Amino acid sequence: MKLLQPIVYVFPIVGIAGLLVSLALYREVMRSDPGTPEIIKYSKTIRSGAFTFLKREYLTMLIFAVIVAVIIAFTLNT
């Protein structure tokens, strides 16, 4: 069991390193040039479509989760 104890310290260190790399990449992307007006227009259209898709996807998942929860609740109570 003592062989696995150092691994307990590795996971948080790797997690923190991953967060730092993500932060550095985020800053680099946010500081970059957004592009030409045409590219910005297409980018806004794609972003709008992506958010519309996600909204619909989350609504579908919510309905499904509620139905499954109701089925589980009735199944466990009988």
PDB file of N, CA and C in Angstrom:
ATOM      1  N   MET A   1       0.812  -1.192   0.000  1.00  0.00           N
ATOM      2  CA  MET A   1       0.000   0.000   0.000  1.00  0.00           C
ATOM      3  C   MET A   1       0.860   1.263   0.000  1.00  0.00           C
ATOM      4  N   LYS A   2       2.025   1.197   0.602  1.00  0.00           N
ATOM      5  CA  LYS A   2       2.901   2.363   0.642  1.00  0.00           C
ATOM      6  C   LYS A   2       3.418   2.721  -0.742  1.00  0.00           C
ATOM      7  N   LEU A   3       3.399   1.761  -1.645  1.00  0.00           N
ATOM      8  CA  LEU A   3       3.852   2.018  -3.007  1.00  0.00           C
ATOM      9  C   LEU A   3       2.924   3.000  -3.713  1.00  0.00           C
ATOM     10  N   LEU A   4       1.633   2.982  -3.388  1.00  0.00           N
ATOM     11  CA  LEU A   4       0.655   3.835  -4.055  1.00  0.00           C
ATOM     12  C   LEU A   4       0.497   5.204  -3.394  1.00  0.00           C
ATOM     13  N   GLN A   5       1.067   5.424  -2.237  1.00  0.00           N
ATOM     14  CA  GLN A   5       0.881   6.696  -1.542  1.00  0.00           C
ATOM     15  C   GLN A   5       1.406   7.901  -2.323  1.00  0.00           C
ATOM     16  N   PRO A   6       2.556   7.831  -2.984  1.00  0.00           N
ATOM     17  CA  PRO A   6       3.007   9.005  -3.743  1.00  0.00           C
ATOM     18  C   PRO A   6       2.052   9.402  -4.872  1.00  0.00           C
ATOM     19  N   ILE A   7       1.288   8.460  -5.376  1.00  0.00           N
ATOM     20  CA  ILE A   7       0.369   8.762  -6.471  1.00  0.00           C
ATOM     21  C   ILE A   7      -0.741   9.708  -6.011  1.00  0.00           C
ATOM     22  N   VAL A   8      -1.030   9.718  -4.719  1.00  0.00           N
ATOM     23  CA  VAL A   8      -2.051  10.616  -4.178  1.00  0.00           C
ATOM     24  C   VAL A   8      -1.634  12.072  -4.384  1.00  0.00           C
ATOM     25  N   TYR A   9      -0.349  12.341  -4.398  1.00  0.00           N
ATOM     26  CA  TYR A   9       0.139  13.699  -4.599  1.00  0.00           C
ATOM     27  C   TYR A   9       0.269  14.051  -6.078  1.00  0.00           C
ATOM     28  N   VAL A  10       0.390  13.051  -6.917  1.00  0.00           N
ATOM     29  CA  VAL A  10       0.585  13.293  -8.348  1.00  0.00           C
ATOM     30  C   VAL A  10      -0.689  13.845  -8.983  1.00  0.00           C
ATOM     31  N   PHE A  11      -1.837  13.301  -8.651  1.00  0.00           N
ATOM     32  CA  PHE A  11      -3.088  13.717  -9.295  1.00  0.00           C
ATOM     33  C   PHE A  11      -3.402  15.199  -9.091  1.00  0.00           C
ATOM     34  N   PRO A  12      -3.331  15.724  -7.876  1.00  0.00           N
ATOM     35  CA  PRO A  12      -3.595  17.166  -7.727  1.00  0.00           C
ATOM     36  C   PRO A  12      -2.578  18.035  -8.462  1.00  0.00           C
ATOM     37  N   ILE A  13      -1.326  17.617  -8.475  1.00  0.00           N
ATOM     38  CA  ILE A  13      -0.292  18.389  -9.166  1.00  0.00           C
ATOM     39  C   ILE A  13      -0.564  18.417 -10.663  1.00  0.00           C
ATOM     40  N   VAL A  14      -0.905  17.273 -11.232  1.00  0.00           N
ATOM     41  CA  VAL A  14      -1.226  17.211 -12.658  1.00  0.00           C
ATOM     42  C   VAL A  14      -2.486  18.026 -12.954  1.00  0.00           C
ATOM     43  N   GLY A  15      -3.463  17.977 -12.080  1.00  0.00           N
ATOM     44  CA  GLY A  15      -4.681  18.766 -12.263  1.00  0.00           C
ATOM     45  C   GLY A  15      -4.404  20.256 -12.259  1.00  0.00           C
ATOM     46  N   ILE A  16      -3.594  20.711 -11.310  1.00  0.00           N
ATOM     47  CA  ILE A  16      -3.242  22.130 -11.239  1.00  0.00           C
ATOM     48  C   ILE A  16      -2.435  22.541 -12.464  1.00  0.00           C
ATOM     49  N   ALA A  17      -1.516  21.685 -12.904  1.00  0.00           N
ATOM     50  CA  ALA A  17      -0.740  21.987 -14.110  1.00  0.00           C
ATOM     51  C   ALA A  17      -1.659  22.105 -15.322  1.00  0.00           C
ATOM     52  N   GLY A  18      -2.638  21.228 -15.423  1.00  0.00           N
ATOM     53  CA  GLY A  18      -3.594  21.301 -16.530  1.00  0.00           C
ATOM     54  C   GLY A  18      -4.393  22.589 -16.508  1.00  0.00           C
ATOM     55  N   LEU A  19      -4.809  23.015 -15.317  1.00  0.00           N
ATOM     56  CA  LEU A  19      -5.534  24.284 -15.201  1.00  0.00           C
ATOM     57  C   LEU A  19      -4.663  25.469 -15.602  1.00  0.00           C
ATOM     58  N   LEU A  20      -3.397  25.442 -15.228  1.00  0.00           N
ATOM     59  CA  LEU A  20      -2.486  26.527 -15.602  1.00  0.00           C
ATOM     60  C   LEU A  20      -2.268  26.580 -17.111  1.00  0.00           C
ATOM     61  N   VAL A  21      -2.119  25.426 -17.741  1.00  0.00           N
ATOM     62  CA  VAL A  21      -1.969  25.385 -19.199  1.00  0.00           C
ATOM     63  C   VAL A  21      -3.240  25.894 -19.869  1.00  0.00           C
ATOM     64  N   SER A  22      -4.389  25.495 -19.360  1.00  0.00           N
ATOM     65  CA  SER A  22      -5.662  25.971 -19.913  1.00  0.00           C
ATOM     66  C   SER A  22      -5.783  27.481 -19.789  1.00  0.00           C
ATOM     67  N   LEU A  23      -5.389  28.026 -18.655  1.00  0.00           N
ATOM     68  CA  LEU A  23      -5.432  29.471 -18.455  1.00  0.00           C
ATOM     69  C   LEU A  23      -4.506  30.189 -19.433  1.00  0.00           C
ATOM     70  N   ALA A  24      -3.302  29.658 -19.631  1.00  0.00           N
ATOM     71  CA  ALA A  24      -2.357  30.270 -20.566  1.00  0.00           C
ATOM     72  C   ALA A  24      -2.903  30.244 -21.991  1.00  0.00           C
ATOM     73  N   LEU A  25      -3.485  29.127 -22.400  1.00  0.00           N
ATOM     74  CA  LEU A  25      -4.059  29.036 -23.747  1.00  0.00           C
ATOM     75  C   LEU A  25      -5.254  29.971 -23.900  1.00  0.00           C
ATOM     76  N   TYR A  26      -6.076  30.078 -22.875  1.00  0.00           N
ATOM     77  CA  TYR A  26      -7.227  30.983 -22.909  1.00  0.00           C
ATOM     78  C   TYR A  26      -6.766  32.424 -23.108  1.00  0.00           C
ATOM     79  N   ARG A  27      -5.773  32.831 -22.335  1.00  0.00           N
ATOM     80  CA  ARG A  27      -5.256  34.201 -22.466  1.00  0.00           C
ATOM     81  C   ARG A  27      -4.690  34.452 -23.856  1.00  0.00           C
ATOM     82  N   GLU A  28      -3.985  33.476 -24.398  1.00  0.00           N
ATOM     83  CA  GLU A  28      -3.406  33.631 -25.736  1.00  0.00           C
ATOM     84  C   GLU A  28      -4.497  33.793 -26.790  1.00  0.00           C
ATOM     85  N   VAL A  29      -5.540  33.001 -26.696  1.00  0.00           N
ATOM     86  CA  VAL A  29      -6.638  33.087 -27.664  1.00  0.00           C
ATOM     87  C   VAL A  29      -7.377  34.413 -27.518  1.00  0.00           C
ATOM     88  N   MET A  30      -7.627  34.852 -26.289  1.00  0.00           N
ATOM     89  CA  MET A  30      -8.372  36.090 -26.074  1.00  0.00           C
ATOM     90  C   MET A  30      -7.588  37.323 -26.518  1.00  0.00           C
ATOM     91  N   ARG A  31      -6.278  37.259 -26.521  1.00  0.00           N
ATOM     92  CA  ARG A  31      -5.449  38.389 -26.948  1.00  0.00           C
ATOM     93  C   ARG A  31      -5.219  38.416 -28.452  1.00  0.00           C
ATOM     94  N   SER A  32      -5.553  37.344 -29.142  1.00  0.00           N
ATOM     95  CA  SER A  32      -5.288  37.284 -30.580  1.00  0.00           C
ATOM     96  C   SER A  32      -6.278  38.151 -31.355  1.00  0.00           C
ATOM     97  N   ASP A  33      -5.911  38.476 -32.587  1.00  0.00           N
ATOM     98  CA  ASP A  33      -6.732  39.300 -33.473  1.00  0.00           C
ATOM     99  C   ASP A  33      -7.976  38.521 -33.882  1.00  0.00           C
ATOM    100  N   PRO A  34      -9.175  39.115 -33.761  1.00  0.00           N
ATOM    101  CA  PRO A  34     -10.394  38.384 -34.119  1.00  0.00           C
ATOM    102  C   PRO A  34     -10.544  38.133 -35.615  1.00  0.00           C
ATOM    103  N   GLY A  35      -9.845  38.865 -36.453  1.00  0.00           N
ATOM    104  CA  GLY A  35      -9.907  38.632 -37.895  1.00  0.00           C
ATOM    105  C   GLY A  35     -10.629  39.745 -38.629  1.00  0.00           C
ATOM    106  N   THR A  36     -10.908  39.479 -39.886  1.00  0.00           N
ATOM    107  CA  THR A  36     -11.574  40.462 -40.735  1.00  0.00           C
ATOM    108  C   THR A  36     -13.051  40.571 -40.356  1.00  0.00           C
ATOM    109  N   PRO A  37     -13.709  41.657 -40.785  1.00  0.00           N
ATOM    110  CA  PRO A  37     -15.140  41.791 -40.481  1.00  0.00           C
ATOM    111  C   PRO A  37     -15.978  40.627 -41.005  1.00  0.00           C
ATOM    112  N   GLU A  38     -15.594  40.083 -42.154  1.00  0.00           N
ATOM    113  CA  GLU A  38     -16.334  38.947 -42.709  1.00  0.00           C
ATOM    114  C   GLU A  38     -16.198  37.716 -41.813  1.00  0.00           C
ATOM    115  N   ILE A  39     -14.996  37.472 -41.339  1.00  0.00           N
ATOM    116  CA  ILE A  39     -14.767  36.327 -40.449  1.00  0.00           C
ATOM    117  C   ILE A  39     -15.515  36.524 -39.131  1.00  0.00           C
ATOM    118  N   ILE A  40     -15.534  37.750 -38.627  1.00  0.00           N
ATOM    119  CA  ILE A  40     -16.258  38.035 -37.383  1.00  0.00           C
ATOM    120  C   ILE A  40     -17.747  37.761 -37.565  1.00  0.00           C
ATOM    121  N   LYS A  41     -18.293  38.131 -38.734  1.00  0.00           N
ATOM    122  CA  LYS A  41     -19.714  37.886 -39.016  1.00  0.00           C
ATOM    123  C   LYS A  41     -20.010  36.391 -39.009  1.00  0.00           C
ATOM    124  N   TYR A  42     -19.172  35.609 -39.704  1.00  0.00           N
ATOM    125  CA  TYR A  42     -19.369  34.157 -39.731  1.00  0.00           C
ATOM    126  C   TYR A  42     -19.208  33.561 -38.337  1.00  0.00           C
ATOM    127  N   SER A  43     -18.261  34.090 -37.587  1.00  0.00           N
ATOM    128  CA  SER A  43     -18.029  33.600 -36.231  1.00  0.00           C
ATOM    129  C   SER A  43     -19.261  33.814 -35.354  1.00  0.00           C
ATOM    130  N   LYS A  44     -19.879  34.985 -35.474  1.00  0.00           N
ATOM    131  CA  LYS A  44     -21.085  35.267 -34.683  1.00  0.00           C
ATOM    132  C   LYS A  44     -22.234  34.355 -35.089  1.00  0.00           C
ATOM    133  N   THR A  45     -22.342  34.064 -36.389  1.00  0.00           N
ATOM    134  CA  THR A  45     -23.396  33.169 -36.861  1.00  0.00           C
ATOM    135  C   THR A  45     -23.194  31.759 -36.308  1.00  0.00           C
ATOM    136  N   ILE A  46     -21.967  31.279 -36.361  1.00  0.00           N
ATOM    137  CA  ILE A  46     -21.653  29.941 -35.841  1.00  0.00           C
ATOM    138  C   ILE A  46     -21.900  29.887 -34.335  1.00  0.00           C
ATOM    139  N   ARG A  47     -21.487  30.932 -33.628  1.00  0.00           N
ATOM    140  CA  ARG A  47     -21.685  30.978 -32.176  1.00  0.00           C
ATOM    141  C   ARG A  47     -23.174  30.945 -31.828  1.00  0.00           C
ATOM    142  N   SER A  48     -23.960  31.714 -32.554  1.00  0.00           N
ATOM    143  CA  SER A  48     -25.404  31.743 -32.320  1.00  0.00           C
ATOM    144  C   SER A  48     -26.020  30.364 -32.553  1.00  0.00           C
ATOM    145  N   GLY A  49     -25.622  29.714 -33.641  1.00  0.00           N
ATOM    146  CA  GLY A  49     -26.131  28.377 -33.934  1.00  0.00           C
ATOM    147  C   GLY A  49     -25.721  27.363 -32.883  1.00  0.00           C
ATOM    148  N   ALA A  50     -24.486  27.478 -32.409  1.00  0.00           N
ATOM    149  CA  ALA A  50     -24.004  26.546 -31.389  1.00  0.00           C
ATOM    150  C   ALA A  50     -24.787  26.704 -30.086  1.00  0.00           C
ATOM    151  N   PHE A  51     -25.050  27.950 -29.697  1.00  0.00           N
ATOM    152  CA  PHE A  51     -25.815  28.170 -28.469  1.00  0.00           C
ATOM    153  C   PHE A  51     -27.257  27.707 -28.614  1.00  0.00           C
ATOM    154  N   THR A  52     -27.830  27.886 -29.799  1.00  0.00           N
ATOM    155  CA  THR A  52     -29.187  27.392 -30.041  1.00  0.00           C
ATOM    156  C   THR A  52     -29.222  25.874 -29.923  1.00  0.00           C
ATOM    157  N   PHE A  53     -28.231  25.215 -30.511  1.00  0.00           N
ATOM    158  CA  PHE A  53     -28.144  23.755 -30.421  1.00  0.00           C
ATOM    159  C   PHE A  53     -28.009  23.304 -28.971  1.00  0.00           C
ATOM    160  N   LEU A  54     -27.113  23.948 -28.219  1.00  0.00           N
ATOM    161  CA  LEU A  54     -26.911  23.553 -26.825  1.00  0.00           C
ATOM    162  C   LEU A  54     -28.166  23.763 -25.988  1.00  0.00           C
ATOM    163  N   LYS A  55     -28.874  24.857 -26.235  1.00  0.00           N
ATOM    164  CA  LYS A  55     -30.111  25.112 -25.496  1.00  0.00           C
ATOM    165  C   LYS A  55     -31.115  23.992 -25.749  1.00  0.00           C
ATOM    166  N   ARG A  56     -31.267  23.606 -26.999  1.00  0.00           N
ATOM    167  CA  ARG A  56     -32.199  22.532 -27.356  1.00  0.00           C
ATOM    168  C   ARG A  56     -31.733  21.191 -26.772  1.00  0.00           C
ATOM    169  N   GLU A  57     -30.440  20.953 -26.831  1.00  0.00           N
ATOM    170  CA  GLU A  57     -29.874  19.704 -26.308  1.00  0.00           C
ATOM    171  C   GLU A  57     -30.110  19.591 -24.799  1.00  0.00           C
ATOM    172  N   TYR A  58     -29.859  20.671 -24.066  1.00  0.00           N
ATOM    173  CA  TYR A  58     -30.065  20.651 -22.620  1.00  0.00           C
ATOM    174  C   TYR A  58     -31.536  20.493 -22.268  1.00  0.00           C
ATOM    175  N   LEU A  59     -32.419  21.101 -23.038  1.00  0.00           N
ATOM    176  CA  LEU A  59     -33.849  20.939 -22.796  1.00  0.00           C
ATOM    177  C   LEU A  59     -34.260  19.480 -22.994  1.00  0.00           C
ATOM    178  N   THR A  60     -33.755  18.856 -24.053  1.00  0.00           N
ATOM    179  CA  THR A  60     -34.051  17.450 -24.314  1.00  0.00           C
ATOM    180  C   THR A  60     -33.522  16.567 -23.185  1.00  0.00           C
ATOM    181  N   MET A  61     -32.305  16.849 -22.728  1.00  0.00           N
ATOM    182  CA  MET A  61     -31.733  16.066 -21.638  1.00  0.00           C
ATOM    183  C   MET A  61     -32.524  16.254 -20.344  1.00  0.00           C
ATOM    184  N   LEU A  62     -33.004  17.468 -20.097  1.00  0.00           N
ATOM    185  CA  LEU A  62     -33.794  17.734 -18.899  1.00  0.00           C
ATOM    186  C   LEU A  62     -35.093  16.942 -18.917  1.00  0.00           C
ATOM    187  N   ILE A  63     -35.782  16.967 -20.045  1.00  0.00           N
ATOM    188  CA  ILE A  63     -37.033  16.214 -20.169  1.00  0.00           C
ATOM    189  C   ILE A  63     -36.776  14.726 -19.959  1.00  0.00           C
ATOM    190  N   PHE A  64     -35.729  14.205 -20.585  1.00  0.00           N
ATOM    191  CA  PHE A  64     -35.382  12.794 -20.437  1.00  0.00           C
ATOM    192  C   PHE A  64     -35.064  12.459 -18.982  1.00  0.00           C
ATOM    193  N   ALA A  65     -34.276  13.312 -18.318  1.00  0.00           N
ATOM    194  CA  ALA A  65     -33.896  13.054 -16.927  1.00  0.00           C
ATOM    195  C   ALA A  65     -35.111  13.064 -16.009  1.00  0.00           C
ATOM    196  N   VAL A  66     -36.045  13.971 -16.246  1.00  0.00           N
ATOM    197  CA  VAL A  66     -37.256  14.026 -15.421  1.00  0.00           C
ATOM    198  C   VAL A  66     -38.086  12.766 -15.619  1.00  0.00           C
ATOM    199  N   ILE A  67     -38.238  12.332 -16.858  1.00  0.00           N
ATOM    200  CA  ILE A  67     -39.006  11.113 -17.136  1.00  0.00           C
ATOM    201  C   ILE A  67     -38.357   9.905 -16.467  1.00  0.00           C
ATOM    202  N   VAL A  68     -37.047   9.781 -16.596  1.00  0.00           N
ATOM    203  CA  VAL A  68     -36.338   8.655 -15.977  1.00  0.00           C
ATOM    204  C   VAL A  68     -36.446   8.734 -14.454  1.00  0.00           C
ATOM    205  N   ALA A  69     -36.341   9.924 -13.884  1.00  0.00           N
ATOM    206  CA  ALA A  69     -36.457  10.078 -12.429  1.00  0.00           C
ATOM    207  C   ALA A  69     -37.839   9.667 -11.942  1.00  0.00           C
ATOM    208  N   VAL A  70     -38.872  10.038 -12.687  1.00  0.00           N
ATOM    209  CA  VAL A  70     -40.235   9.653 -12.305  1.00  0.00           C
ATOM    210  C   VAL A  70     -40.396   8.141 -12.382  1.00  0.00           C
ATOM    211  N   ILE A  71     -39.877   7.533 -13.436  1.00  0.00           N
ATOM    212  CA  ILE A  71     -39.959   6.073 -13.581  1.00  0.00           C
ATOM    213  C   ILE A  71     -39.225   5.385 -12.433  1.00  0.00           C
ATOM    214  N   ILE A  72     -38.036   5.859 -12.104  1.00  0.00           N
ATOM    215  CA  ILE A  72     -37.270   5.266 -11.005  1.00  0.00           C
ATOM    216  C   ILE A  72     -38.007   5.450  -9.681  1.00  0.00           C
ATOM    217  N   ALA A  73     -38.575   6.632  -9.465  1.00  0.00           N
ATOM    218  CA  ALA A  73     -39.296   6.888  -8.213  1.00  0.00           C
ATOM    219  C   ALA A  73     -40.484   5.945  -8.064  1.00  0.00           C
ATOM    220  N   PHE A  74     -41.259   5.751  -9.130  1.00  0.00           N
ATOM    221  CA  PHE A  74     -42.403   4.842  -9.050  1.00  0.00           C
ATOM    222  C   PHE A  74     -41.955   3.392  -8.911  1.00  0.00           C
ATOM    223  N   THR A  75     -40.859   3.039  -9.543  1.00  0.00           N
ATOM    224  CA  THR A  75     -40.354   1.671  -9.466  1.00  0.00           C
ATOM    225  C   THR A  75     -39.849   1.354  -8.059  1.00  0.00           C
ATOM    226  N   LEU A  76     -39.171   2.285  -7.438  1.00  0.00           N
ATOM    227  CA  LEU A  76     -38.626   2.044  -6.100  1.00  0.00           C
ATOM    228  C   LEU A  76     -39.702   2.066  -5.024  1.00  0.00           C
ATOM    229  N   ASN A  77     -40.784   2.770  -5.243  1.00  0.00           N
ATOM    230  CA  ASN A  77     -41.846   2.859  -4.235  1.00  0.00           C
ATOM    231  C   ASN A  77     -42.782   1.663  -4.244  1.00  0.00           C
ATOM    232  N   THR A  78     -42.753   0.837  -5.280  1.00  0.00           N
ATOM    233  CA  THR A  78     -43.670  -0.306  -5.330  1.00  0.00           C
ATOM    234  C   THR A  78     -43.001  -1.587  -4.951  1.00  0.00           C
TER     235      THR A  78
END
